[in-house]
Amino acid sequence: VQIGASVVLALLVRGHETQRAFQRILFWFAVSAVPWIAGAVAHGTAR
């Protein structure tokens, strides 16, 4: 949901000055996706 929405929004405003804001949002959702998915395959305290 978060990365999909960010990609779509960045594409919708491509070439517009607002695109930079959504590129930043997309970057940080991509960064946080790593511990989200890693935690999903882990268990217990690690998750």
All heavy atoms as atom14 arrays in JSON, in Angstrom:
{
  "sequence": "VQIGASVVLALLVRGHETQRAFQRILFWFAVSAVPWIAGAVAHGTAR",
  "atom14_mask": [
    [1, 1, 1, 1, 1, 1, 1, 0, 0, 0, 0, 0, 0, 0],
    [1, 1, 1, 1, 1, 1, 1, 1, 1, 0, 0, 0, 0, 0],
    [1, 1, 1, 1, 1, 1, 1, 1, 0, 0, 0, 0, 0, 0],
    [1, 1, 1, 1, 0, 0, 0, 0, 0, 0, 0, 0, 0, 0],
    [1, 1, 1, 1, 1, 0, 0, 0, 0, 0, 0, 0, 0, 0],
    [1, 1, 1, 1, 1, 1, 0, 0, 0, 0, 0, 0, 0, 0],
    [1, 1, 1, 1, 1, 1, 1, 0, 0, 0, 0, 0, 0, 0],
    [1, 1, 1, 1, 1, 1, 1, 0, 0, 0, 0, 0, 0, 0],
    [1, 1, 1, 1, 1, 1, 1, 1, 0, 0, 0, 0, 0, 0],
    [1, 1, 1, 1, 1, 0, 0, 0, 0, 0, 0, 0, 0, 0],
    [1, 1, 1, 1, 1, 1, 1, 1, 0, 0, 0, 0, 0, 0],
    [1, 1, 1, 1, 1, 1, 1, 1, 0, 0, 0, 0, 0, 0],
    [1, 1, 1, 1, 1, 1, 1, 0, 0, 0, 0, 0, 0, 0],
    [1, 1, 1, 1, 1, 1, 1, 1, 1, 1, 1, 0, 0, 0],
    [1, 1, 1, 1, 0, 0, 0, 0, 0, 0, 0, 0, 0, 0],
    [1, 1, 1, 1, 1, 1, 1, 1, 1, 1, 0, 0, 0, 0],
    [1, 1, 1, 1, 1, 1, 1, 1, 1, 0, 0, 0, 0, 0],
    [1, 1, 1, 1, 1, 1, 1, 0, 0, 0, 0, 0, 0, 0],
    [1, 1, 1, 1, 1, 1, 1, 1, 1, 0, 0, 0, 0, 0],
    [1, 1, 1, 1, 1, 1, 1, 1, 1, 1, 1, 0, 0, 0],
    [1, 1, 1, 1, 1, 0, 0, 0, 0, 0, 0, 0, 0, 0],
    [1, 1, 1, 1, 1, 1, 1, 1, 1, 1, 1, 0, 0, 0],
    [1, 1, 1, 1, 1, 1, 1, 1, 1, 0, 0, 0, 0, 0],
    [1, 1, 1, 1, 1, 1, 1, 1, 1, 1, 1, 0, 0, 0],
    [1, 1, 1, 1, 1, 1, 1, 1, 0, 0, 0, 0, 0, 0],
    [1, 1, 1, 1, 1, 1, 1, 1, 0, 0, 0, 0, 0, 0],
    [1, 1, 1, 1, 1, 1, 1, 1, 1, 1, 1, 0, 0, 0],
    [1, 1, 1, 1, 1, 1, 1, 1, 1, 1, 1, 1, 1, 1],
    [1, 1, 1, 1, 1, 1, 1, 1, 1, 1, 1, 0, 0, 0],
    [1, 1, 1, 1, 1, 0, 0, 0, 0, 0, 0, 0, 0, 0],
    [1, 1, 1, 1, 1, 1, 1, 0, 0, 0, 0, 0, 0, 0],
    [1, 1, 1, 1, 1, 1, 0, 0, 0, 0, 0, 0, 0, 0],
    [1, 1, 1, 1, 1, 0, 0, 0, 0, 0, 0, 0, 0, 0],
    [1, 1, 1, 1, 1, 1, 1, 0, 0, 0, 0, 0, 0, 0],
    [1, 1, 1, 1, 1, 1, 1, 0, 0, 0, 0, 0, 0, 0],
    [1, 1, 1, 1, 1, 1, 1, 1, 1, 1, 1, 1, 1, 1],
    [1, 1, 1, 1, 1, 1, 1, 1, 0, 0, 0, 0, 0, 0],
    [1, 1, 1, 1, 1, 0, 0, 0, 0, 0, 0, 0, 0, 0],
    [1, 1, 1, 1, 0, 0, 0, 0, 0, 0, 0, 0, 0, 0],
    [1, 1, 1, 1, 1, 0, 0, 0, 0, 0, 0, 0, 0, 0],
    [1, 1, 1, 1, 1, 1, 1, 0, 0, 0, 0, 0, 0, 0],
    [1, 1, 1, 1, 1, 0, 0, 0, 0, 0, 0, 0, 0, 0],
    [1, 1, 1, 1, 1, 1, 1, 1, 1, 1, 0, 0, 0, 0],
    [1, 1, 1, 1, 0, 0, 0, 0, 0, 0, 0, 0, 0, 0],
    [1, 1, 1, 1, 1, 1, 1, 0, 0, 0, 0, 0, 0, 0],
    [1, 1, 1, 1, 1, 0, 0, 0, 0, 0, 0, 0, 0, 0],
    [1, 1, 1, 1, 1, 1, 1, 1, 1, 1, 1, 0, 0, 0]
  ],
  "atom14_positions": [
    [[0.83, -1.21, 0.0], [0.0, 0.0, 0.0], [0.86, 1.26, 0.0], [0.66, 2.17, -0.82], [-0.95, -0.01, 1.21], [-1.63, 1.34, 1.38], [-2.01, -1.09, 1.05], [0.0, 0.0, 0.0], [0.0, 0.0, 0.0], [0.0, 0.0, 0.0], [0.0, 0.0, 0.0], [0.0, 0.0, 0.0], [0.0, 0.0, 0.0], [0.0, 0.0, 0.0]],
    [[1.84, 1.31, 0.89], [2.63, 2.53, 1.03], [3.54, 2.78, -0.17], [3.58, 3.9, -0.7], [3.46, 2.48, 2.32], [2.64, 2.38, 3.61], [1.94, 3.68, 3.95], [1.29, 4.29, 3.12], [2.06, 4.1, 5.2], [0.0, 0.0, 0.0], [0.0, 0.0, 0.0], [0.0, 0.0, 0.0], [0.0, 0.0, 0.0], [0.0, 0.0, 0.0]],
    [[4.25, 1.76, -0.61], [5.13, 1.95, -1.76], [4.31, 2.1, -3.04], [4.62, 2.94, -3.9], [6.12, 0.78, -1.86], [7.12, 0.86, -0.7], [6.85, 0.8, -3.2], [8.22, -0.18, -0.75], [0.0, 0.0, 0.0], [0.0, 0.0, 0.0], [0.0, 0.0, 0.0], [0.0, 0.0, 0.0], [0.0, 0.0, 0.0], [0.0, 0.0, 0.0]],
    [[3.25, 1.3, -3.17], [2.42, 1.42, -4.37], [1.82, 2.8, -4.51], [1.86, 3.4, -5.59], [0.0, 0.0, 0.0], [0.0, 0.0, 0.0], [0.0, 0.0, 0.0], [0.0, 0.0, 0.0], [0.0, 0.0, 0.0], [0.0, 0.0, 0.0], [0.0, 0.0, 0.0], [0.0, 0.0, 0.0], [0.0, 0.0, 0.0], [0.0, 0.0, 0.0]],
    [[1.27, 3.33, -3.41], [0.69, 4.67, -3.47], [1.75, 5.72, -3.76], [1.51, 6.65, -4.54], [-0.02, 4.99, -2.15], [0.0, 0.0, 0.0], [0.0, 0.0, 0.0], [0.0, 0.0, 0.0], [0.0, 0.0, 0.0], [0.0, 0.0, 0.0], [0.0, 0.0, 0.0], [0.0, 0.0, 0.0], [0.0, 0.0, 0.0], [0.0, 0.0, 0.0]],
    [[2.94, 5.58, -3.17], [4.0, 6.57, -3.4], [4.48, 6.56, -4.84], [4.72, 7.62, -5.43], [5.18, 6.29, -2.45], [4.77, 6.34, -1.1], [0.0, 0.0, 0.0], [0.0, 0.0, 0.0], [0.0, 0.0, 0.0], [0.0, 0.0, 0.0], [0.0, 0.0, 0.0], [0.0, 0.0, 0.0], [0.0, 0.0, 0.0], [0.0, 0.0, 0.0]],
    [[4.61, 5.37, -5.43], [5.02, 5.28, -6.83], [3.98, 5.94, -7.73], [4.31, 6.72, -8.63], [5.22, 3.8, -7.22], [5.38, 3.67, -8.74], [6.44, 3.22, -6.53], [0.0, 0.0, 0.0], [0.0, 0.0, 0.0], [0.0, 0.0, 0.0], [0.0, 0.0, 0.0], [0.0, 0.0, 0.0], [0.0, 0.0, 0.0], [0.0, 0.0, 0.0]],
    [[2.73, 5.63, -7.49], [1.66, 6.18, -8.32], [1.64, 7.71, -8.23], [1.54, 8.42, -9.24], [0.3, 5.59, -7.91], [-0.85, 6.34, -8.58], [0.24, 4.12, -8.29], [0.0, 0.0, 0.0], [0.0, 0.0, 0.0], [0.0, 0.0, 0.0], [0.0, 0.0, 0.0], [0.0, 0.0, 0.0], [0.0, 0.0, 0.0], [0.0, 0.0, 0.0]],
    [[1.74, 8.23, -7.02], [1.68, 9.68, -6.84], [2.88, 10.37, -7.48], [2.75, 11.45, -8.08], [1.61, 10.01, -5.35], [0.33, 9.57, -4.65], [0.44, 9.76, -3.15], [-0.87, 10.33, -5.18], [0.0, 0.0, 0.0], [0.0, 0.0, 0.0], [0.0, 0.0, 0.0], [0.0, 0.0, 0.0], [0.0, 0.0, 0.0], [0.0, 0.0, 0.0]],
    [[4.05, 9.76, -7.35], [5.24, 10.35, -7.99], [5.08, 10.36, -9.51], [5.53, 11.31, -10.19], [6.49, 9.58, -7.59], [0.0, 0.0, 0.0], [0.0, 0.0, 0.0], [0.0, 0.0, 0.0], [0.0, 0.0, 0.0], [0.0, 0.0, 0.0], [0.0, 0.0, 0.0], [0.0, 0.0, 0.0], [0.0, 0.0, 0.0], [0.0, 0.0, 0.0]],
    [[4.44, 9.34, -10.07], [4.22, 9.3, -11.5], [3.16, 10.3, -11.94], [3.27, 10.92, -13.01], [3.8, 7.89, -11.93], [4.88, 6.8, -11.85], [4.28, 5.44, -12.2], [6.05, 7.12, -12.78], [0.0, 0.0, 0.0], [0.0, 0.0, 0.0], [0.0, 0.0, 0.0], [0.0, 0.0, 0.0], [0.0, 0.0, 0.0], [0.0, 0.0, 0.0]],
    [[2.16, 10.47, -11.12], [1.08, 11.38, -11.49], [1.56, 12.83, -11.59], [0.99, 13.61, -12.36], [-0.06, 11.28, -10.47], [-0.93, 10.02, -10.53], [-1.94, 10.01, -9.39], [-1.66, 9.92, -11.86], [0.0, 0.0, 0.0], [0.0, 0.0, 0.0], [0.0, 0.0, 0.0], [0.0, 0.0, 0.0], [0.0, 0.0, 0.0], [0.0, 0.0, 0.0]],
    [[2.57, 13.19, -10.8], [3.05, 14.58, -10.8], [4.45, 14.68, -11.4], [5.18, 15.62, -11.12], [3.05, 15.17, -9.37], [1.64, 15.3, -8.84], [3.9, 14.31, -8.43], [0.0, 0.0, 0.0], [0.0, 0.0, 0.0], [0.0, 0.0, 0.0], [0.0, 0.0, 0.0], [0.0, 0.0, 0.0], [0.0, 0.0, 0.0], [0.0, 0.0, 0.0]],
    [[4.81, 13.71, -12.24], [6.16, 13.75, -12.82], [6.34, 15.04, -13.62], [5.47, 15.47, -14.38], [6.39, 12.53, -13.71], [5.4, 12.34, -14.84], [5.62, 11.0, -15.53], [4.69, 10.78, -16.62], [3.47, 10.29, -16.49], [3.02, 9.97, -15.28], [2.7, 10.1, -17.53], [0.0, 0.0, 0.0], [0.0, 0.0, 0.0], [0.0, 0.0, 0.0]],
    [[7.48, 15.67, -13.41], [7.77, 16.93, -14.04], [7.3, 18.14, -13.26], [7.69, 19.27, -13.56], [0.0, 0.0, 0.0], [0.0, 0.0, 0.0], [0.0, 0.0, 0.0], [0.0, 0.0, 0.0], [0.0, 0.0, 0.0], [0.0, 0.0, 0.0], [0.0, 0.0, 0.0], [0.0, 0.0, 0.0], [0.0, 0.0, 0.0], [0.0, 0.0, 0.0]],
    [[6.48, 17.92, -12.24], [5.97, 19.02, -11.41], [6.85, 19.14, -10.18], [7.47, 18.16, -9.72], [4.51, 18.72, -11.02], [3.8, 19.9, -10.43], [3.84, 20.17, -9.08], [3.02, 20.86, -10.98], [3.1, 21.24, -8.84], [2.6, 21.68, -9.97], [0.0, 0.0, 0.0], [0.0, 0.0, 0.0], [0.0, 0.0, 0.0], [0.0, 0.0, 0.0]],
    [[6.91, 20.34, -9.61], [7.77, 20.54, -8.44], [7.35, 19.69, -7.24], [8.16, 19.38, -6.37], [7.81, 22.02, -8.03], [6.45, 22.63, -7.77], [5.89, 23.32, -9.01], [6.31, 22.92, -10.13], [5.05, 24.23, -8.87], [0.0, 0.0, 0.0], [0.0, 0.0, 0.0], [0.0, 0.0, 0.0], [0.0, 0.0, 0.0], [0.0, 0.0, 0.0]],
    [[6.09, 19.27, -7.21], [5.61, 18.43, -6.11], [6.19, 17.04, -6.16], [6.21, 16.33, -5.15], [4.07, 18.35, -6.15], [3.53, 19.67, -6.26], [3.51, 17.69, -4.91], [0.0, 0.0, 0.0], [0.0, 0.0, 0.0], [0.0, 0.0, 0.0], [0.0, 0.0, 0.0], [0.0, 0.0, 0.0], [0.0, 0.0, 0.0], [0.0, 0.0, 0.0]],
    [[6.71, 16.62, -7.31], [7.23, 15.26, -7.44], [8.36, 14.98, -6.47], [8.49, 13.86, -5.96], [7.7, 15.02, -8.88], [8.16, 13.59, -9.13], [8.69, 13.39, -10.53], [9.11, 14.35, -11.18], [8.68, 12.16, -11.02], [0.0, 0.0, 0.0], [0.0, 0.0, 0.0], [0.0, 0.0, 0.0], [0.0, 0.0, 0.0], [0.0, 0.0, 0.0]],
    [[9.17, 15.98, -6.18], [10.3, 15.78, -5.27], [9.83, 15.33, -3.89], [10.47, 14.5, -3.24], [11.12, 17.06, -5.16], [11.81, 17.46, -6.46], [12.37, 18.88, -6.39], [13.34, 19.02, -5.31], [14.63, 18.78, -5.43], [15.11, 18.36, -6.59], [15.45, 18.94, -4.41], [0.0, 0.0, 0.0], [0.0, 0.0, 0.0], [0.0, 0.0, 0.0]],
    [[8.71, 15.88, -3.43], [8.19, 15.48, -2.13], [7.82, 14.0, -2.11], [8.14, 13.27, -1.16], [6.97, 16.35, -1.78], [0.0, 0.0, 0.0], [0.0, 0.0, 0.0], [0.0, 0.0, 0.0], [0.0, 0.0, 0.0], [0.0, 0.0, 0.0], [0.0, 0.0, 0.0], [0.0, 0.0, 0.0], [0.0, 0.0, 0.0], [0.0, 0.0, 0.0]],
    [[7.18, 13.53, -3.16], [6.76, 12.14, -3.19], [7.92, 11.19, -3.47], [7.88, 10.02, -3.07], [5.65, 11.95, -4.23], [4.36, 12.62, -3.82], [3.99, 13.83, -4.38], [3.56, 12.07, -2.84], [2.83, 14.47, -4.0], [2.39, 12.7, -2.44], [2.02, 13.9, -3.02], [0.0, 0.0, 0.0], [0.0, 0.0, 0.0], [0.0, 0.0, 0.0]],
    [[8.96, 11.69, -4.11], [10.17, 10.88, -4.26], [10.83, 10.66, -2.9], [11.33, 9.56, -2.62], [11.14, 11.57, -5.22], [10.69, 11.52, -6.67], [11.58, 12.34, -7.59], [12.19, 13.33, -7.17], [11.65, 11.96, -8.86], [0.0, 0.0, 0.0], [0.0, 0.0, 0.0], [0.0, 0.0, 0.0], [0.0, 0.0, 0.0], [0.0, 0.0, 0.0]],
    [[10.82, 11.67, -2.06], [11.37, 11.51, -0.71], [10.54, 10.49, 0.08], [11.08, 9.64, 0.79], [11.39, 12.85, 0.03], [12.33, 13.89, -0.56], [12.35, 15.12, 0.33], [13.14, 16.21, -0.23], [12.66, 17.17, -0.99], [11.36, 17.18, -1.28], [13.43, 18.12, -1.46], [0.0, 0.0, 0.0], [0.0, 0.0, 0.0], [0.0, 0.0, 0.0]],
    [[9.22, 10.63, -0.01], [8.35, 9.7, 0.71], [8.6, 8.27, 0.24], [8.69, 7.33, 1.04], [6.87, 10.1, 0.49], [6.59, 11.45, 1.16], [5.93, 9.04, 1.05], [5.23, 12.03, 0.84], [0.0, 0.0, 0.0], [0.0, 0.0, 0.0], [0.0, 0.0, 0.0], [0.0, 0.0, 0.0], [0.0, 0.0, 0.0], [0.0, 0.0, 0.0]],
    [[8.7, 8.09, -1.07], [8.95, 6.76, -1.63], [10.28, 6.2, -1.13], [10.38, 5.01, -0.78], [8.94, 6.84, -3.16], [9.31, 5.56, -3.9], [8.35, 4.44, -3.54], [9.32, 5.81, -5.41], [0.0, 0.0, 0.0], [0.0, 0.0, 0.0], [0.0, 0.0, 0.0], [0.0, 0.0, 0.0], [0.0, 0.0, 0.0], [0.0, 0.0, 0.0]],
    [[11.31, 7.05, -1.07], [12.62, 6.59, -0.61], [12.53, 6.02, 0.8], [13.04, 4.93, 1.08], [13.62, 7.75, -0.67], [14.94, 7.44, -0.04], [15.92, 6.74, -0.74], [15.23, 7.83, 1.27], [17.15, 6.44, -0.16], [16.44, 7.54, 1.86], [17.41, 6.84, 1.15], [0.0, 0.0, 0.0], [0.0, 0.0, 0.0], [0.0, 0.0, 0.0]],
    [[11.87, 6.75, 1.69], [11.84, 6.3, 3.09], [10.91, 5.11, 3.3], [11.17, 4.27, 4.16], [11.47, 7.47, 4.0], [12.64, 8.38, 4.2], [12.84, 9.62, 3.66], [13.8, 8.09, 4.98], [14.06, 10.12, 4.05], [14.67, 9.21, 4.86], [14.2, 7.01, 5.76], [15.9, 9.25, 5.49], [15.44, 7.06, 6.4], [16.26, 8.17, 6.27]],
    [[9.86, 4.99, 2.5], [9.06, 3.77, 2.59], [9.84, 2.57, 2.07], [9.67, 1.46, 2.57], [7.75, 3.94, 1.81], [6.67, 4.65, 2.59], [5.9, 5.63, 2.0], [6.42, 4.33, 3.91], [4.91, 6.29, 2.71], [5.43, 4.98, 4.64], [4.67, 5.96, 4.04], [0.0, 0.0, 0.0], [0.0, 0.0, 0.0], [0.0, 0.0, 0.0]],
    [[10.68, 2.8, 1.07], [11.53, 1.7, 0.58], [12.54, 1.29, 1.65], [12.84, 0.1, 1.82], [12.24, 2.13, -0.7], [0.0, 0.0, 0.0], [0.0, 0.0, 0.0], [0.0, 0.0, 0.0], [0.0, 0.0, 0.0], [0.0, 0.0, 0.0], [0.0, 0.0, 0.0], [0.0, 0.0, 0.0], [0.0, 0.0, 0.0], [0.0, 0.0, 0.0]],
    [[13.07, 2.27, 2.38], [14.01, 1.95, 3.46], [13.31, 1.16, 4.56], [13.81, 0.13, 5.04], [14.64, 3.24, 4.02], [15.45, 2.93, 5.29], [15.52, 3.91, 2.98], [0.0, 0.0, 0.0], [0.0, 0.0, 0.0], [0.0, 0.0, 0.0], [0.0, 0.0, 0.0], [0.0, 0.0, 0.0], [0.0, 0.0, 0.0], [0.0, 0.0, 0.0]],
    [[12.15, 1.62, 4.99], [11.44, 0.93, 6.08], [10.88, -0.42, 5.64], [10.59, -1.27, 6.49], [10.31, 1.8, 6.61], [9.29, 1.96, 5.64], [0.0, 0.0, 0.0], [0.0, 0.0, 0.0], [0.0, 0.0, 0.0], [0.0, 0.0, 0.0], [0.0, 0.0, 0.0], [0.0, 0.0, 0.0], [0.0, 0.0, 0.0], [0.0, 0.0, 0.0]],
    [[10.73, -0.63, 4.34], [10.21, -1.92, 3.87], [11.14, -3.07, 4.24], [10.68, -4.21, 4.43], [10.0, -1.87, 2.35], [0.0, 0.0, 0.0], [0.0, 0.0, 0.0], [0.0, 0.0, 0.0], [0.0, 0.0, 0.0], [0.0, 0.0, 0.0], [0.0, 0.0, 0.0], [0.0, 0.0, 0.0], [0.0, 0.0, 0.0], [0.0, 0.0, 0.0]],
    [[12.43, -2.8, 4.34], [13.4, -3.86, 4.66], [13.1, -4.46, 6.04], [12.92, -5.69, 6.16], [14.84, -3.33, 4.57], [15.83, -4.41, 5.0], [15.13, -2.87, 3.15], [0.0, 0.0, 0.0], [0.0, 0.0, 0.0], [0.0, 0.0, 0.0], [0.0, 0.0, 0.0], [0.0, 0.0, 0.0], [0.0, 0.0, 0.0], [0.0, 0.0, 0.0]],
    [[13.04, -3.68, 7.13], [12.7, -4.3, 8.42], [11.26, -4.8, 8.48], [10.98, -5.76, 9.23], [12.95, -3.18, 9.44], [12.93, -1.92, 8.65], [13.44, -2.26, 7.29], [0.0, 0.0, 0.0], [0.0, 0.0, 0.0], [0.0, 0.0, 0.0], [0.0, 0.0, 0.0], [0.0, 0.0, 0.0], [0.0, 0.0, 0.0], [0.0, 0.0, 0.0]],
    [[10.35, -4.19, 7.72], [8.98, -4.72, 7.72], [8.96, -6.16, 7.19], [8.37, -7.06, 7.82], [8.06, -3.84, 6.87], [7.44, -2.68, 7.58], [7.62, -1.36, 7.31], [6.52, -2.72, 8.68], [6.89, -0.57, 8.16], [6.2, -1.38, 9.01], [5.94, -3.75, 9.41], [5.33, -1.05, 10.04], [5.07, -3.44, 10.46], [4.77, -2.1, 10.76]],
    [[9.56, -6.39, 6.04], [9.55, -7.72, 5.44], [10.44, -8.68, 6.21], [10.1, -9.85, 6.42], [9.96, -7.65, 3.96], [9.0, -6.75, 3.18], [10.0, -9.05, 3.34], [7.54, -7.21, 3.26], [0.0, 0.0, 0.0], [0.0, 0.0, 0.0], [0.0, 0.0, 0.0], [0.0, 0.0, 0.0], [0.0, 0.0, 0.0], [0.0, 0.0, 0.0]],
    [[11.6, -8.19, 6.66], [12.49, -9.05, 7.46], [11.8, -9.48, 8.74], [11.91, -10.64, 9.17], [13.79, -8.3, 7.77], [0.0, 0.0, 0.0], [0.0, 0.0, 0.0], [0.0, 0.0, 0.0], [0.0, 0.0, 0.0], [0.0, 0.0, 0.0], [0.0, 0.0, 0.0], [0.0, 0.0, 0.0], [0.0, 0.0, 0.0], [0.0, 0.0, 0.0]],
    [[11.06, -8.56, 9.37], [10.32, -8.93, 10.57], [9.21, -9.91, 10.29], [8.88, -10.77, 11.13], [0.0, 0.0, 0.0], [0.0, 0.0, 0.0], [0.0, 0.0, 0.0], [0.0, 0.0, 0.0], [0.0, 0.0, 0.0], [0.0, 0.0, 0.0], [0.0, 0.0, 0.0], [0.0, 0.0, 0.0], [0.0, 0.0, 0.0], [0.0, 0.0, 0.0]],
    [[8.61, -9.82, 9.11], [7.51, -10.72, 8.78], [7.97, -12.17, 8.65], [7.21, -13.1, 8.98], [6.84, -10.28, 7.47], [0.0, 0.0, 0.0], [0.0, 0.0, 0.0], [0.0, 0.0, 0.0], [0.0, 0.0, 0.0], [0.0, 0.0, 0.0], [0.0, 0.0, 0.0], [0.0, 0.0, 0.0], [0.0, 0.0, 0.0], [0.0, 0.0, 0.0]],
    [[9.2, -12.38, 8.2], [9.71, -13.75, 8.08], [10.42, -14.2, 9.35], [10.76, -15.38, 9.47], [10.67, -13.85, 6.87], [9.93, -13.54, 5.58], [11.88, -12.94, 7.04], [0.0, 0.0, 0.0], [0.0, 0.0, 0.0], [0.0, 0.0, 0.0], [0.0, 0.0, 0.0], [0.0, 0.0, 0.0], [0.0, 0.0, 0.0], [0.0, 0.0, 0.0]],
    [[10.63, -13.27, 10.28], [11.19, -13.64, 11.58], [10.05, -14.0, 12.54], [8.87, -13.99, 12.18], [12.03, -12.49, 12.14], [0.0, 0.0, 0.0], [0.0, 0.0, 0.0], [0.0, 0.0, 0.0], [0.0, 0.0, 0.0], [0.0, 0.0, 0.0], [0.0, 0.0, 0.0], [0.0, 0.0, 0.0], [0.0, 0.0, 0.0], [0.0, 0.0, 0.0]],
    [[10.4, -14.3, 13.77], [9.39, -14.71, 14.74], [9.72, -14.13, 16.11], [10.85, -13.76, 16.39], [9.32, -16.25, 14.84], [8.97, -16.93, 13.55], [7.69, -17.01, 13.07], [9.77, -17.55, 12.63], [7.69, -17.66, 11.92], [8.94, -18.0, 11.63], [0.0, 0.0, 0.0], [0.0, 0.0, 0.0], [0.0, 0.0, 0.0], [0.0, 0.0, 0.0]],
    [[8.66, -14.04, 16.94], [8.84, -13.66, 18.33], [9.43, -12.28, 18.52], [9.02, -11.3, 17.89], [0.0, 0.0, 0.0], [0.0, 0.0, 0.0], [0.0, 0.0, 0.0], [0.0, 0.0, 0.0], [0.0, 0.0, 0.0], [0.0, 0.0, 0.0], [0.0, 0.0, 0.0], [0.0, 0.0, 0.0], [0.0, 0.0, 0.0], [0.0, 0.0, 0.0]],
    [[10.44, -12.22, 19.39], [11.06, -10.95, 19.74], [11.72, -10.29, 18.54], [11.72, -9.05, 18.42], [12.09, -11.16, 20.85], [11.46, -11.8, 21.97], [12.67, -9.85, 21.32], [0.0, 0.0, 0.0], [0.0, 0.0, 0.0], [0.0, 0.0, 0.0], [0.0, 0.0, 0.0], [0.0, 0.0, 0.0], [0.0, 0.0, 0.0], [0.0, 0.0, 0.0]],
    [[12.28, -11.09, 17.64], [12.94, -10.52, 16.46], [11.93, -9.75, 15.6], [12.25, -8.66, 15.1], [13.6, -11.63, 15.65], [0.0, 0.0, 0.0], [0.0, 0.0, 0.0], [0.0, 0.0, 0.0], [0.0, 0.0, 0.0], [0.0, 0.0, 0.0], [0.0, 0.0, 0.0], [0.0, 0.0, 0.0], [0.0, 0.0, 0.0], [0.0, 0.0, 0.0]],
    [[10.75, -10.3, 15.43], [9.74, -9.59, 14.64], [9.35, -8.28, 15.31], [9.24, -7.25, 14.64], [8.5, -10.47, 14.44], [7.36, -9.76, 13.71], [6.18, -10.68, 13.46], [6.55, -11.8, 12.61], [5.7, -12.77, 12.25], [4.46, -12.76, 12.7], [6.1, -13.75, 11.47], [0.0, 0.0, 0.0], [0.0, 0.0, 0.0], [0.0, 0.0, 0.0]]
  ]
}
